[in-house]
């Protein structure tokens, strides 16, 4: 099948054959013109089905033919810029495409057409990238949300979506936004970080990683707690690699982000209501359905509401070794947030009963944090226990990160330590055939054990 749909005799209105070299405004004009010809005269669907390398060669061949027909002569450098701009605008995401291609960039934040920030190595910086106008930004957003059946307009001015590479996108438009179209893009690596990578980045030390490996293999339930951008999903991906390959894992997410590099993983994704306000599928619906799919483990990307009760119920009723995340600044806040979610879900139970229910379901809370210098650190691995005498819920920190100050370059100085507390679950680990040496729990100097036991 030919890439061309028809041939036309149209010509460019400028004196392209006699003017050289061309400045950027002229390249912009050429780009707009040839982009329209591409849309009108080629089979764009067939073009976009090619892999990126072949697609660029095909578009370059077509543009060369257009330019030859119209006797347009430009420098090789301008031609490269022209081709990149046409490809980005026609089948990519416009000015954002170079940022999306840069693997070192972790966040892209658009505050209207003239203000684009990026996060690289934990630091936010303003770029020189600008959109032509507000409608240009909206066109890019529409291109993102259309393939996944979502929409954004004045009646529905907020949307969550994802890019083909899995990057998460949130967009807000007027009248909700007071500064034009706002877009937040959370990028994810093509190959998720492993625990070895996290050790290399000094986000966790080897003893903590060894212990996490053991508690995942021993099917203990883990809640990962942290703020926005602290690395909860990254850690969840890393922990999933410790799940034995013979187990069936079902993931439940609001917007698919998890990349569990293992066999026998099936994913479920929630769905917003349609234009008539019907057809919504919530995380709670998915958690309930996951229980009917013969899971060995359930991994919930994040609990935010009434699904917290269903998740805990699953953990309490035979689906051990499940993992989930929650937005919270400390392990205590995580417990309280889960408790609040259960109450808001309509569970008419006293808080003491809810807390005992939480303790029965959760074994460990792993708290992670993005520090002021951009580093991501595992702040504590805390075991959830209940005092047999007072019936109070307690968190006993097995490992933690101690901050010692700020260096001259603004980098946070600190170290990972063992608190000396032997986890109650140690016998369970050994029953699973996991030899965890007592030496990794040896108390380090300057640690007071009482400071590492927290009453909720």
Protein backbone atom coordinates (compact mmCIF):
# COMPACT_ATOMS: atom_id res chain seq x y z
CA UNK A 1 0.00 0.00 0.00
CA UNK A 2 1.37 3.42 -0.90
CA UNK A 3 1.99 5.94 1.82
CA UNK A 4 0.48 8.60 -0.45
CA UNK A 5 -3.26 9.10 -0.81
CA UNK A 6 -3.09 11.63 -3.68
CA UNK A 7 -0.76 14.04 -5.44
CA UNK A 8 -1.40 17.75 -5.63
CA UNK A 9 0.17 20.58 -7.52
CA UNK A 10 0.20 22.99 -4.58
CA UNK A 11 3.22 25.22 -4.10
CA UNK A 12 4.62 27.14 -1.16
CA UNK A 13 3.70 30.79 -1.34
CA UNK A 14 7.13 32.06 -0.21
CA UNK A 15 10.14 32.37 -2.51
CA UNK A 16 11.64 29.23 -1.02
CA UNK A 17 13.84 28.51 -4.03
CA UNK A 18 15.67 31.81 -3.85
CA UNK A 19 16.04 32.50 -0.13
CA UNK A 20 18.83 30.85 1.85
CA UNK A 21 19.72 30.35 4.63
CA UNK A 22 16.37 30.21 6.43
CA UNK A 23 15.83 31.57 9.93
CA UNK A 24 13.73 29.83 12.59
CA UNK A 25 10.46 31.63 11.75
CA UNK A 26 10.81 30.38 8.19
CA UNK A 27 11.50 26.83 9.36
CA UNK A 28 8.33 27.16 11.48
CA UNK A 29 6.42 28.19 8.37
CA UNK A 30 7.87 25.32 6.36
CA UNK A 31 7.01 22.91 9.16
CA UNK A 32 3.36 24.03 9.29
CA UNK A 33 3.07 23.84 5.52
CA UNK A 34 4.59 20.37 5.09
CA UNK A 35 2.74 19.07 8.11
CA UNK A 36 -0.53 19.95 6.38
CA UNK A 37 0.64 18.22 3.21
CA UNK A 38 1.57 15.12 5.20
CA UNK A 39 -1.89 15.01 6.77
CA UNK A 40 -3.67 15.60 3.47
CA UNK A 41 -1.57 13.53 1.07
CA UNK A 42 -0.23 10.55 3.02
CA UNK A 43 -1.59 7.56 4.86
CA UNK A 44 -0.70 8.82 8.36
CA UNK A 45 -2.06 5.67 10.02
CA UNK A 46 0.38 3.53 8.05
CA UNK A 47 3.23 5.92 8.85
CA UNK A 48 2.61 5.84 12.58
CA UNK A 49 2.50 2.04 12.58
CA UNK A 50 6.21 1.96 11.65
CA UNK A 51 8.91 1.82 14.28
CA UNK A 52 10.46 5.26 15.06
CA UNK A 53 13.57 4.74 12.91
CA UNK A 54 11.67 3.60 9.82
CA UNK A 55 9.01 6.27 10.35
CA UNK A 56 11.64 9.03 10.33
CA UNK A 57 13.21 7.64 7.12
CA UNK A 58 9.77 7.44 5.45
CA UNK A 59 8.82 10.99 6.48
CA UNK A 60 12.25 12.27 5.39
CA UNK A 61 11.77 10.67 1.97
CA UNK A 62 8.31 12.24 1.61
CA UNK A 63 9.47 15.70 2.73
CA UNK A 64 12.45 15.49 0.34
CA UNK A 65 10.01 14.72 -2.47
CA UNK A 66 7.83 17.69 -1.49
CA UNK A 67 10.86 20.00 -1.38
CA UNK A 68 12.16 18.71 -4.70
CA UNK A 69 8.78 19.36 -6.35
CA UNK A 70 8.80 22.95 -5.07
CA UNK A 71 12.55 23.53 -5.52
CA UNK A 72 13.08 24.35 -1.83
CA UNK A 73 16.74 24.37 -0.80
CA UNK A 74 17.80 24.57 2.87
CA UNK A 75 20.88 23.62 4.85
CA UNK A 76 21.28 20.12 6.27
CA UNK A 77 21.04 21.54 9.81
CA UNK A 78 17.76 23.31 9.02
CA UNK A 79 16.47 20.17 7.33
CA UNK A 80 17.17 18.12 10.49
CA UNK A 81 15.34 20.73 12.57
CA UNK A 82 12.47 20.75 10.07
CA UNK A 83 12.13 16.95 10.08
CA UNK A 84 12.27 16.75 13.89
CA UNK A 85 9.64 19.46 14.22
CA UNK A 86 7.32 17.84 11.66
CA UNK A 87 7.61 14.40 13.27
CA UNK A 88 7.09 15.78 16.78
CA UNK A 89 4.06 17.83 15.73
CA UNK A 90 2.49 15.21 13.45
CA UNK A 91 2.95 11.94 15.34
CA UNK A 92 4.70 12.97 18.57
CA UNK A 93 3.93 15.46 21.33
CA UNK A 94 5.28 18.68 19.84
CA UNK A 95 7.75 20.72 21.92
CA UNK A 96 7.51 18.12 24.70
CA UNK A 97 9.00 15.32 22.59
CA UNK A 98 12.68 16.14 23.32
CA UNK A 99 11.86 16.22 27.04
CA UNK A 100 10.04 12.89 26.83
CA UNK A 101 13.04 11.39 25.02
CA UNK A 102 15.47 12.50 27.76
CA UNK A 103 15.64 9.60 30.22
CA UNK A 104 17.24 11.77 32.92
CA UNK A 105 14.09 13.91 33.19
CA UNK A 106 11.62 12.52 35.73
CA UNK A 107 8.90 15.23 35.74
CA UNK A 108 7.59 17.72 33.17
CA UNK A 109 5.40 20.55 34.47
CA UNK A 110 3.58 22.90 32.09
CA UNK A 111 2.18 26.13 33.58
CA UNK A 112 0.48 27.56 30.51
CA UNK A 113 2.06 28.00 27.06
CA UNK A 114 5.10 30.03 28.17
CA UNK A 115 6.34 28.19 31.25
CA UNK A 116 7.69 24.61 31.19
CA UNK A 117 9.64 23.16 34.13
CA UNK A 118 11.49 19.87 34.34
CA UNK A 119 12.78 17.80 37.25
CA UNK A 120 16.20 16.28 36.71
CA UNK A 121 18.18 14.62 39.50
CA UNK A 122 15.60 15.82 42.03
CA UNK A 123 15.88 19.51 41.04
CA UNK A 124 13.25 21.64 39.30
CA UNK A 125 14.49 23.97 36.56
CA UNK A 126 12.77 26.28 34.08
CA UNK A 127 13.33 25.37 30.41
CA UNK A 128 13.34 27.68 27.40
CA UNK A 129 10.59 25.60 25.74
CA UNK A 130 7.42 27.50 24.85
CA UNK A 131 4.21 26.65 23.01
CA UNK A 132 2.79 28.89 20.30
CA UNK A 133 -0.35 29.65 22.28
CA UNK A 134 -2.94 28.13 24.59
CA UNK A 135 -4.58 26.14 21.79
CA UNK A 136 -1.21 24.53 21.00
CA UNK A 137 -1.03 23.15 24.56
CA UNK A 138 -4.64 21.95 24.35
CA UNK A 139 -3.92 20.12 21.08
CA UNK A 140 -1.08 18.22 22.75
CA UNK A 141 -3.33 17.30 25.70
CA UNK A 142 -6.08 16.12 23.34
CA UNK A 143 -3.51 13.97 21.52
CA UNK A 144 -2.59 12.35 24.85
CA UNK A 145 -6.11 11.58 26.11
CA UNK A 146 -7.87 10.63 22.85
CA UNK A 147 -6.27 7.16 22.34
CA UNK A 148 -7.35 5.95 25.79
CA UNK A 149 -10.94 7.10 25.48
CA UNK A 150 -10.79 9.98 27.93
CA UNK A 151 -11.74 13.57 27.35
CA UNK A 152 -11.09 17.06 28.69
CA UNK A 153 -13.38 20.02 28.13
CA UNK A 154 -15.22 22.67 30.14
CA UNK A 155 -17.70 20.13 31.47
CA UNK A 156 -14.85 17.81 32.50
CA UNK A 157 -11.84 20.11 33.06
CA UNK A 158 -9.53 17.57 34.76
CA UNK A 159 -8.15 14.34 33.37
CA UNK A 160 -5.68 11.59 34.26
CA UNK A 161 -4.09 9.74 31.37
CA UNK A 162 -0.88 8.02 30.36
CA UNK A 163 1.50 8.13 27.43
CA UNK A 164 2.39 5.07 25.33
CA UNK A 165 5.59 4.63 27.36
CA UNK A 166 3.59 4.47 30.61
CA UNK A 167 4.31 8.03 31.79
CA UNK A 168 1.49 9.42 33.91
CA UNK A 169 -0.25 12.62 32.80
CA UNK A 170 -2.55 14.95 34.70
CA UNK A 171 -4.10 17.94 32.93
CA UNK A 172 -6.30 20.77 34.18
CA UNK A 173 -7.86 23.46 31.98
CA UNK A 174 -9.87 26.67 32.60
CA UNK A 175 -12.16 27.49 34.31
CA UNK A 176 -10.60 25.28 37.03
CA UNK A 177 -7.10 26.49 36.15
CA UNK A 178 -6.40 30.21 36.54
CA UNK A 179 -3.26 30.14 34.38
CA UNK A 180 -4.22 28.40 31.18
CA UNK A 181 -3.78 24.67 30.62
CA UNK A 182 -1.71 22.98 33.34
CA UNK A 183 -0.04 19.63 32.65
CA UNK A 184 1.99 17.41 34.97
CA UNK A 185 3.84 14.45 33.45
CA UNK A 186 5.46 11.84 35.71
CA UNK A 187 7.92 9.88 33.58
CA UNK A 188 8.89 6.28 34.21
CA UNK A 189 11.96 4.45 33.02
CA UNK A 190 11.50 1.90 30.25
CA UNK A 191 13.34 -0.57 32.46
CA UNK A 192 12.23 -0.14 36.10
CA UNK A 193 14.86 0.39 38.77
CA UNK A 194 15.91 -2.74 40.62
CA UNK A 195 16.85 -2.99 44.29
CA UNK A 196 20.49 -3.05 43.19
CA UNK A 197 19.93 0.32 41.52
CA UNK A 198 18.41 1.72 44.72
CA UNK A 199 21.43 0.53 46.69
CA UNK A 200 23.70 2.15 44.10
CA UNK A 201 21.78 5.44 44.45
CA UNK A 202 22.16 5.20 48.25
CA UNK A 203 18.39 5.19 48.66
CA UNK A 204 18.67 2.04 50.79
CA UNK A 205 21.53 0.00 52.21
CA UNK A 206 22.32 -3.69 51.68
CA UNK A 207 20.99 -4.87 55.06
CA UNK A 208 17.63 -3.18 54.46
CA UNK A 209 17.43 -4.62 50.93
CA UNK A 210 18.27 -8.11 52.24
CA UNK A 211 15.55 -7.86 54.88
CA UNK A 212 12.97 -6.57 52.38
CA UNK A 213 13.78 -9.50 50.10
CA UNK A 214 13.13 -11.88 52.99
CA UNK A 215 9.81 -10.39 54.10
CA UNK A 216 8.48 -10.35 50.53
CA UNK A 217 9.44 -14.00 50.00
CA UNK A 218 7.86 -14.91 53.36
CA UNK A 219 4.54 -13.41 52.16
CA UNK A 220 4.31 -10.63 54.73
CA UNK A 221 1.99 -7.74 53.86
CA UNK A 222 3.77 -4.44 53.19
CA UNK A 223 2.43 -0.89 53.01
CA UNK A 224 4.75 1.61 51.30
CA UNK A 225 4.19 5.14 52.61
CA UNK A 226 5.55 8.39 51.22
CA UNK A 227 4.78 11.79 49.77
CA UNK A 228 4.30 12.78 46.13
CA UNK A 229 7.37 11.97 44.04
CA UNK A 230 9.11 10.12 46.86
CA UNK A 231 9.50 6.91 44.82
CA UNK A 232 6.64 4.70 46.05
CA UNK A 233 5.95 3.17 42.64
CA UNK A 234 9.68 2.70 41.99
CA UNK A 235 10.04 0.80 45.27
CA UNK A 236 6.90 -1.24 44.58
CA UNK A 237 8.37 -2.32 41.24
CA UNK A 238 11.67 -3.23 42.91
CA UNK A 239 9.98 -5.27 45.67
CA UNK A 240 7.90 -7.18 43.14
CA UNK A 241 11.08 -8.75 41.75
CA UNK A 242 11.39 -10.68 45.04
CA UNK A 243 8.04 -12.45 44.55
CA UNK A 244 8.72 -16.11 43.65
CA UNK A 245 8.11 -16.72 39.92
CA UNK A 246 5.54 -19.50 40.48
CA UNK A 247 2.99 -17.12 42.03
CA UNK A 248 0.12 -15.37 40.24
CA UNK A 249 0.11 -11.60 40.79
CA UNK A 250 -2.81 -9.28 40.06
CA UNK A 251 -2.17 -5.52 39.96
CA UNK A 252 -4.89 -2.95 40.54
CA UNK A 253 -4.23 0.67 39.57
CA UNK A 254 -5.97 3.97 38.94
CA UNK A 255 -3.66 4.62 35.99
CA UNK A 256 -1.37 1.79 34.90
CA UNK A 257 2.20 2.57 36.03
CA UNK A 258 3.57 -0.67 37.46
CA UNK A 259 6.00 -2.67 35.35
CA UNK A 260 6.44 -5.96 37.16
CA UNK A 261 9.20 -7.72 35.28
CA UNK A 262 8.05 -11.26 36.00
CA UNK A 263 5.74 -13.95 34.55
CA UNK A 264 2.06 -14.50 35.39
CA UNK A 265 1.15 -10.86 36.10
CA UNK A 266 -2.26 -9.51 35.08
CA UNK A 267 -3.25 -5.88 35.47
CA UNK A 268 -6.56 -4.14 36.12
CA UNK A 269 -7.11 -0.42 35.62
CA UNK A 270 -9.96 1.76 36.87
CA UNK A 271 -12.19 3.66 34.48
CA UNK A 272 -13.84 7.09 34.88
CA UNK A 273 -17.53 7.64 34.06
CA UNK A 274 -18.52 8.33 30.46
CA UNK A 275 -20.11 11.53 29.16
CA UNK A 276 -23.43 10.45 30.66
CA UNK A 277 -21.86 9.91 34.09
CA UNK A 278 -22.15 6.14 33.85
CA UNK A 279 -19.82 3.19 33.47
CA UNK A 280 -17.26 4.12 36.14
CA UNK A 281 -15.13 1.24 37.48
CA UNK A 282 -13.51 2.13 40.81
CA UNK A 283 -10.42 0.73 42.50
CA UNK A 284 -12.76 -0.84 45.05
CA UNK A 285 -14.63 -2.66 42.28
CA UNK A 286 -11.34 -3.94 40.90
CA UNK A 287 -10.02 -5.13 44.26
CA UNK A 288 -13.21 -7.09 44.82
CA UNK A 289 -13.00 -8.57 41.33
CA UNK A 290 -9.31 -9.44 41.80
CA UNK A 291 -10.31 -11.75 44.67
CA UNK A 292 -12.21 -13.87 42.13
CA UNK A 293 -9.23 -14.21 39.79
CA UNK A 294 -7.26 -16.75 41.84
CA UNK A 295 -4.49 -14.36 42.98
CA UNK A 296 -1.56 -15.49 45.07
CA UNK A 297 -0.83 -11.83 45.72
CA UNK A 298 -2.62 -8.57 45.05
CA UNK A 299 -0.65 -5.40 44.35
CA UNK A 300 -2.65 -2.17 44.59
CA UNK A 301 -0.84 0.83 43.10
CA UNK A 302 -2.28 3.16 45.73
CA UNK A 303 -5.15 3.09 48.22
CA UNK A 304 -7.02 6.39 48.39
CA UNK A 305 -10.48 5.60 49.66
CA UNK A 306 -12.98 2.90 50.58
CA UNK A 307 -10.89 0.25 48.77
CA UNK A 308 -8.57 0.32 51.80
CA UNK A 309 -11.07 -1.88 53.66
CA UNK A 310 -11.29 -4.40 50.80
CA UNK A 311 -7.49 -4.45 50.51
CA UNK A 312 -7.07 -5.15 54.24
CA UNK A 313 -9.81 -7.75 54.06
CA UNK A 314 -7.92 -9.49 51.24
CA UNK A 315 -4.73 -9.44 53.31
CA UNK A 316 -6.63 -10.89 56.27
CA UNK A 317 -8.33 -13.65 54.33
CA UNK A 318 -5.61 -15.69 52.71
CA UNK A 319 -3.97 -13.31 50.24
CA UNK A 320 -0.76 -12.86 52.15
CA UNK A 321 2.25 -11.09 50.74
CA UNK A 322 0.21 -8.30 49.19
CA UNK A 323 1.71 -4.87 48.54
CA UNK A 324 0.23 -1.40 48.31
CA UNK A 325 1.13 2.27 48.73
CA UNK A 326 -0.40 5.25 50.48
CA UNK A 327 0.29 8.98 50.59
CA UNK A 328 1.56 9.79 54.09
CA UNK A 329 4.51 11.60 55.66
CA UNK A 330 5.23 9.13 58.50
CA UNK A 331 4.29 5.53 59.37
CA UNK A 332 1.90 6.85 62.05
CA UNK A 333 0.21 9.07 59.46
CA UNK A 334 -0.07 6.03 57.19
CA UNK A 335 -1.94 4.06 59.87
CA UNK A 336 -4.23 7.02 60.55
CA UNK A 337 -4.89 7.58 56.86
CA UNK A 338 -5.87 3.96 56.32
CA UNK A 339 -8.07 4.17 59.43
CA UNK A 340 -9.73 7.32 58.08
CA UNK A 341 -10.33 5.70 54.68
CA UNK A 342 -12.09 2.76 56.30
CA UNK A 343 -14.31 5.11 58.33
CA UNK A 344 -15.13 7.17 55.24
CA UNK A 345 -15.99 3.96 53.43
CA UNK A 346 -19.01 3.62 55.71
CA UNK A 347 -17.64 1.03 58.13
CA UNK A 348 -19.54 1.68 61.38
CA UNK A 349 -16.81 0.32 63.65
CA UNK A 350 -15.03 1.84 66.65
CA UNK A 351 -11.46 3.02 66.00
CA UNK A 352 -10.01 0.37 68.34
CA UNK A 353 -11.56 -2.41 66.26
CA UNK A 354 -10.39 -0.79 63.02
CA UNK A 355 -6.85 -0.51 64.35
CA UNK A 356 -6.78 -4.15 65.39
CA UNK A 357 -8.07 -4.99 61.93
CA UNK A 358 -5.23 -2.95 60.39
CA UNK A 359 -2.65 -4.68 62.60
CA UNK A 360 -4.06 -8.07 61.61
CA UNK A 361 -3.58 -7.20 57.94
CA UNK A 362 -0.37 -5.16 57.81
CA UNK A 363 2.99 -6.57 58.83
CA UNK A 364 5.38 -3.80 57.80
CA UNK A 365 5.28 -0.14 56.82
CA UNK A 366 8.15 1.12 54.68
CA UNK A 367 8.47 4.91 54.80
CA UNK A 368 10.26 6.68 51.97
CA UNK A 369 10.92 10.37 51.49
CA UNK A 370 12.27 12.82 48.96
CA UNK A 371 14.71 15.01 50.88
CA UNK A 372 15.25 18.71 50.28
CA UNK A 373 18.33 18.02 48.12
CA UNK A 374 16.34 15.74 45.80
CA UNK A 375 17.62 12.43 47.20
CA UNK A 376 15.09 9.64 47.77
CA UNK A 377 15.73 7.75 51.00
CA UNK A 378 14.11 4.83 52.79
CA UNK A 379 13.52 6.49 56.15
CA UNK A 380 12.34 3.45 58.11
CA UNK A 381 11.22 -0.16 57.93
CA UNK A 382 8.72 -0.48 60.78
CA UNK A 383 6.95 -3.61 61.96
CA UNK A 384 3.29 -3.21 62.94
CA UNK A 385 2.52 -4.94 66.25
CA UNK A 386 -0.09 -4.79 69.00
CA UNK A 387 0.76 -4.71 72.69
CA UNK A 388 -0.78 -7.80 74.29
CA UNK A 389 -1.35 -5.98 77.61
CA UNK A 390 -2.58 -2.53 76.59
CA UNK A 391 -3.94 -3.58 73.15
CA UNK A 392 -2.27 -0.48 71.72
CA UNK A 393 -0.94 -0.46 68.18
CA UNK A 394 2.80 0.05 68.05
CA UNK A 395 5.37 0.48 65.32
CA UNK A 396 8.82 -0.86 66.02
CA UNK A 397 11.48 0.43 63.67
CA UNK A 398 13.88 -2.30 62.58
CA UNK A 399 16.01 -0.07 60.33
CA UNK A 400 16.01 3.68 59.85
CA UNK A 401 17.87 6.57 58.26
CA UNK A 402 19.39 9.09 60.68
CA UNK A 403 20.04 12.62 59.42
CA UNK A 404 23.19 14.29 60.72
CA UNK A 405 23.01 17.63 58.95
CA UNK A 406 23.57 19.43 55.63
CA UNK A 407 26.84 19.45 53.69
CA UNK A 408 28.43 22.48 52.03
CA UNK A 409 26.79 21.62 48.70
CA UNK A 410 23.34 21.40 50.30
CA UNK A 411 23.36 17.60 50.32
CA UNK A 412 21.72 15.90 53.29
CA UNK A 413 24.25 13.97 55.40
CA UNK A 414 23.15 10.86 57.26
CA UNK A 415 23.42 7.10 57.54
CA UNK A 416 21.29 3.96 57.61
CA UNK A 417 21.30 2.13 60.94
CA UNK A 418 19.95 -1.00 62.61
CA UNK A 419 17.99 -0.17 65.76
CA UNK A 420 18.72 -3.43 67.60
CA UNK A 421 15.06 -4.49 67.65
CA UNK A 422 14.51 -8.12 66.61
CA UNK A 423 11.33 -8.32 64.50
CA UNK A 424 8.48 -10.48 65.79
CA UNK A 425 8.24 -12.00 62.31
CA UNK A 426 11.77 -13.47 62.41
CA UNK A 427 10.44 -16.97 63.23
CA UNK A 428 8.11 -16.79 60.22
CA UNK A 429 11.02 -15.94 57.96
CA UNK A 430 12.88 -19.01 59.17
CA UNK A 431 9.79 -21.20 58.74
CA UNK A 432 9.91 -20.19 55.07
CA UNK A 433 13.50 -21.43 54.93
CA UNK A 434 14.98 -17.93 54.86
CA UNK A 435 18.14 -17.68 56.92
CA UNK A 436 18.28 -14.09 58.19
CA UNK A 437 21.38 -13.64 60.38
CA UNK A 438 20.90 -11.93 63.74
CA UNK A 439 23.94 -9.79 62.91
CA UNK A 440 21.97 -7.52 60.58
CA UNK A 441 19.81 -6.43 63.55
CA UNK A 442 22.74 -5.53 65.84
CA UNK A 443 22.17 -2.15 67.46
CA UNK A 444 24.50 0.57 66.31
CA UNK A 445 26.11 3.17 68.52
CA UNK A 446 24.02 6.11 69.62
CA UNK A 447 20.66 4.38 69.05
CA UNK A 448 18.14 4.32 71.89
CA UNK A 449 15.75 1.41 71.45
CA UNK A 450 12.89 3.25 73.20
CA UNK A 451 13.09 5.97 70.53
CA UNK A 452 12.39 3.36 67.86
CA UNK A 453 9.10 2.08 69.31
CA UNK A 454 6.17 4.34 68.46
CA UNK A 455 2.69 4.07 69.94
CA UNK A 456 0.00 4.94 67.42
